[in-house]
C-alpha atoms as a PDB file:
ATOM      1  CA  MET A   1      68.556  90.923-236.021  1.00  0.00           C
ATOM      2  CA  ARG A   2      68.921  87.189-235.360  1.00  0.00           C
ATOM      3  CA  ASN A   3      68.613  84.754-238.251  1.00  0.00           C
ATOM      4  CA  PRO A   4      69.052  80.998-237.584  1.00  0.00           C
ATOM      5  CA  ILE A   5      70.228  78.632-240.362  1.00  0.00           C
ATOM      6  CA  GLY A   6      67.811  78.597-243.256  1.00  0.00           C
ATOM      7  CA  THR A   7      66.265  82.049-242.596  1.00  0.00           C
ATOM      8  CA  ALA A   8      66.937  85.242-244.417  1.00  0.00           C
ATOM      9  CA  HIS A   9      66.479  88.986-243.945  1.00  0.00           C
ATOM     10  CA  THR A  10      66.790  92.226-245.894  1.00  0.00           C
ATOM     11  CA  PRO A  11      68.627  94.992-243.905  1.00  0.00           C
ATOM     12  CA  LYS A  12      66.920  98.336-243.776  1.00  0.00           C
ATOM     13  CA  ILE A  13      69.788 100.961-243.616  1.00  0.00           C
ATOM     14  CA  GLY A  14      69.118 104.638-243.248  1.00  0.00           C
ATOM     15  CA  PRO A  15      71.151 107.525-244.878  1.00  0.00           C
ATOM     16  CA  GLU A  16      73.786 107.327-242.210  1.00  0.00           C
ATOM     17  CA  GLY A  17      74.709 103.805-243.107  1.00  0.00           C
ATOM     18  CA  ALA A  18      75.319 100.785-240.800  1.00  0.00           C
ATOM     19  CA  THR A  19      77.820  98.252-239.564  1.00  0.00           C
ATOM     20  CA  ILE A  20      76.300  94.746-239.548  1.00  0.00           C
ATOM     21  CA  PHE A  21      78.171  92.034-237.537  1.00  0.00           C
ATOM     22  CA  VAL A  22      77.269  88.469-238.759  1.00  0.00           C
ATOM     23  CA  LYS A  23      77.877  85.286-237.034  1.00  0.00           C
ATOM     24  CA  LEU A  24      77.341  82.390-239.435  1.00  0.00           C
ATOM     25  CA  GLN A  25      76.722  78.698-238.359  1.00  0.00           C
ATOM     26  CA  GLN A  26      76.749  79.712-234.740  1.00  0.00           C
ATOM     27  CA  PHE A  27      73.327  78.493-233.690  1.00  0.00           C
ATOM     28  CA  LYS A  28      72.272  75.188-232.188  1.00  0.00           C
ATOM     29  CA  ALA A  29      70.077  73.081-234.545  1.00  0.00           C
ATOM     30  CA  LYS A  30      66.984  73.584-232.166  1.00  0.00           C
ATOM     31  CA  ASP A  31      67.517  77.281-231.756  1.00  0.00           C
ATOM     32  CA  GLN A  32      65.304  78.470-234.587  1.00  0.00           C
ATOM     33  CA  LEU A  33      63.734  81.714-233.203  1.00  0.00           C
ATOM     34  CA  GLN A  34      64.082  84.608-235.732  1.00  0.00           C
ATOM     35  CA  PHE A  35      63.502  88.093-234.482  1.00  0.00           C
ATOM     36  CA  SER A  36      64.748  91.656-234.383  1.00  0.00           C
ATOM     37  CA  ILE A  37      64.905  93.981-231.307  1.00  0.00           C
ATOM     38  CA  ASP A  38      64.749  97.746-231.253  1.00  0.00           C
ATOM     39  CA  THR A  39      67.403  98.333-228.597  1.00  0.00           C
ATOM     40  CA  HIS A  40      66.369 102.093-228.303  1.00  0.00           C
ATOM     41  CA  SER A  41      63.097 101.151-226.692  1.00  0.00           C
ATOM     42  CA  GLN A  42      64.054  98.232-224.578  1.00  0.00           C
ATOM     43  CA  PRO A  43      64.487  98.575-220.744  1.00  0.00           C
ATOM     44  CA  TRP A  44      67.926  98.258-219.034  1.00  0.00           C
ATOM     45  CA  TYR A  45      68.133  96.259-215.749  1.00  0.00           C
ATOM     46  CA  GLN A  46      70.428  96.444-212.692  1.00  0.00           C
ATOM     47  CA  GLY A  47      73.428  94.013-213.219  1.00  0.00           C
ATOM     48  CA  LEU A  48      75.028  91.852-210.667  1.00  0.00           C
ATOM     49  CA  VAL A  49      77.361  94.602-209.453  1.00  0.00           C
ATOM     50  CA  GLU A  50      76.877  98.436-208.854  1.00  0.00           C
ATOM     51  CA  GLY A  51      77.610 100.334-212.204  1.00  0.00           C
ATOM     52  CA  LEU A  52      76.508  97.360-214.353  1.00  0.00           C
ATOM     53  CA  THR A  53      73.283  97.555-216.426  1.00  0.00           C
ATOM     54  CA  VAL A  54      71.986  94.823-218.694  1.00  0.00           C
ATOM     55  CA  MET A  55      69.552  94.554-221.552  1.00  0.00           C
ATOM     56  CA  PRO A  56      68.819  90.859-222.285  1.00  0.00           C
ATOM     57  CA  LEU A  57      68.427  89.986-225.927  1.00  0.00           C
ATOM     58  CA  HIS A  58      68.210  86.265-226.271  1.00  0.00           C
ATOM     59  CA  GLU A  59      68.637  83.070-224.279  1.00  0.00           C
ATOM     60  CA  PHE A  60      68.757  79.325-225.425  1.00  0.00           C
ATOM     61  CA  GLU A  61      70.009  76.561-223.234  1.00  0.00           C
ATOM     62  CA  ALA A  62      73.386  77.814-221.910  1.00  0.00           C
ATOM     63  CA  GLU A  63      73.688  80.764-224.412  1.00  0.00           C
ATOM     64  CA  HIS A  64      72.873  84.150-223.100  1.00  0.00           C
ATOM     65  CA  VAL A  65      73.002  87.369-225.216  1.00  0.00           C
ATOM     66  CA  ALA A  66      72.815  90.897-223.898  1.00  0.00           C
ATOM     67  CA  LEU A  67      73.824  94.378-224.201  1.00  0.00           C
ATOM     68  CA  VAL A  68      75.736  95.457-221.219  1.00  0.00           C
ATOM     69  CA  LYS A  69      76.843  98.996-219.802  1.00  0.00           C
ATOM     70  CA  TRP A  70      79.770  99.412-217.443  1.00  0.00           C
ATOM     71  CA  ALA A  71      80.012 102.819-215.661  1.00  0.00           C
ATOM     72  CA  PRO A  72      83.393 104.193-214.941  1.00  0.00           C
ATOM     73  CA  ASN A  73      85.413 102.345-212.372  1.00  0.00           C
ATOM     74  CA  THR A  74      82.967  99.309-212.173  1.00  0.00           C
ATOM     75  CA  GLN A  75      84.601  96.268-210.738  1.00  0.00           C
ATOM     76  CA  PHE A  76      83.197  92.922-211.803  1.00  0.00           C
ATOM     77  CA  ASN A  77      84.269  89.823-209.763  1.00  0.00           C
ATOM     78  CA  ALA A  78      86.179  87.077-211.431  1.00  0.00           C
ATOM     79  CA  HIS A  79      83.853  84.540-213.126  1.00  0.00           C
ATOM     80  CA  GLN A  80      83.631  81.936-215.791  1.00  0.00           C
ATOM     81  CA  HIS A  81      81.617  81.486-218.953  1.00  0.00           C
ATOM     82  CA  TRP A  82      81.639  77.770-219.691  1.00  0.00           C
ATOM     83  CA  GLY A  83      80.835  78.203-223.272  1.00  0.00           C
ATOM     84  CA  GLY A  84      83.237  81.179-223.521  1.00  0.00           C
ATOM     85  CA  GLU A  85      82.394  84.799-223.796  1.00  0.00           C
ATOM     86  CA  GLU A  86      82.275  87.369-226.704  1.00  0.00           C
ATOM     87  CA  ILE A  87      82.249  91.146-226.257  1.00  0.00           C
ATOM     88  CA  LEU A  88      81.812  93.809-228.904  1.00  0.00           C
ATOM     89  CA  VAL A  89      82.797  97.258-227.726  1.00  0.00           C
ATOM     90  CA  LEU A  90      80.107  99.601-229.022  1.00  0.00           C
ATOM     91  CA  GLU A  91      81.297 102.807-227.404  1.00  0.00           C
ATOM     92  CA  GLY A  92      83.851 103.813-224.925  1.00  0.00           C
ATOM     93  CA  THR A  93      86.792 101.777-223.903  1.00  0.00           C
ATOM     94  CA  PHE A  94      86.696  98.288-222.302  1.00  0.00           C
ATOM     95  CA  TYR A  95      89.482  97.188-219.855  1.00  0.00           C
ATOM     96  CA  ASP A  96      90.296  93.742-218.369  1.00  0.00           C
ATOM     97  CA  GLU A  97      93.319  91.975-216.999  1.00  0.00           C
ATOM     98  CA  HIS A  98      94.446  91.190-220.411  1.00  0.00           C
ATOM     99  CA  GLY A  99      94.296  94.636-222.089  1.00  0.00           C
ATOM    100  CA  VAL A 100      92.598  97.701-223.315  1.00  0.00           C
ATOM    101  CA  TYR A 101      89.914  97.511-226.033  1.00  0.00           C
ATOM    102  CA  PRO A 102      88.487 100.580-227.801  1.00  0.00           C
ATOM    103  CA  LYS A 103      85.274 101.057-229.649  1.00  0.00           C
ATOM    104  CA  GLY A 104      84.872  98.497-232.434  1.00  0.00           C
ATOM    105  CA  THR A 105      86.883  95.787-230.757  1.00  0.00           C
ATOM    106  CA  TRP A 106      85.463  92.210-230.777  1.00  0.00           C
ATOM    107  CA  ILE A 107      86.894  89.958-228.101  1.00  0.00           C
ATOM    108  CA  ARG A 108      86.332  86.267-227.985  1.00  0.00           C
ATOM    109  CA  SER A 109      87.373  84.533-224.670  1.00  0.00           C
ATOM    110  CA  LEU A 110      88.135  81.022-224.616  1.00  0.00           C
ATOM    111  CA  MET A 111      85.738  78.303-223.171  1.00  0.00           C
ATOM    112  CA  GLU A 112      86.145  78.107-219.369  1.00  0.00           C
ATOM    113  CA  ALA A 113      88.153  81.230-219.312  1.00  0.00           C
ATOM    114  CA  ASN A 114      88.495  83.010-215.870  1.00  0.00           C
ATOM    115  CA  ILE A 115      87.424  86.507-216.520  1.00  0.00           C
ATOM    116  CA  ARG A 116      87.813  89.719-214.389  1.00  0.00           C
ATOM    117  CA  HIS A 117      86.384  92.946-215.927  1.00  0.00           C
ATOM    118  CA  THR A 118      87.529  96.450-214.660  1.00  0.00           C
ATOM    119  CA  GLN A 119      86.204  99.616-216.146  1.00  0.00           C
ATOM    120  CA  LYS A 120      88.275 102.830-215.950  1.00  0.00           C
ATOM    121  CA  LYS A 121      85.826 104.583-218.370  1.00  0.00           C
ATOM    122  CA  THR A 122      82.290 104.078-219.460  1.00  0.00           C
ATOM    123  CA  ALA A 123      82.006 101.229-221.990  1.00  0.00           C
ATOM    124  CA  ARG A 124      78.921  99.559-223.616  1.00  0.00           C
END
């Protein structure tokens, strides 16, 4: 669910409940597209390296939002995200040069951070 400033929504939560992550005041003023995506029916695409698959969710100017799956032992080349990078570990465990991040971890890398991801186990 994506709700720019000035929009609203009513979550529909099933009997098993839900965890909702909300980022307030994180949109550029011109980025006004409101939508929801059923990620269970969207396709996955091959990523930049073997073992990496990507489901694009939204793009606006320099912002790119996607679900990403890393297979076990996937090595990702060092790279930079000029606006920073945020990772929410949905399942498995995520590893990089700074630590180990289990399911539920939200990582915010600084702007212009040099990043090298290495997976020892499956993560999404």
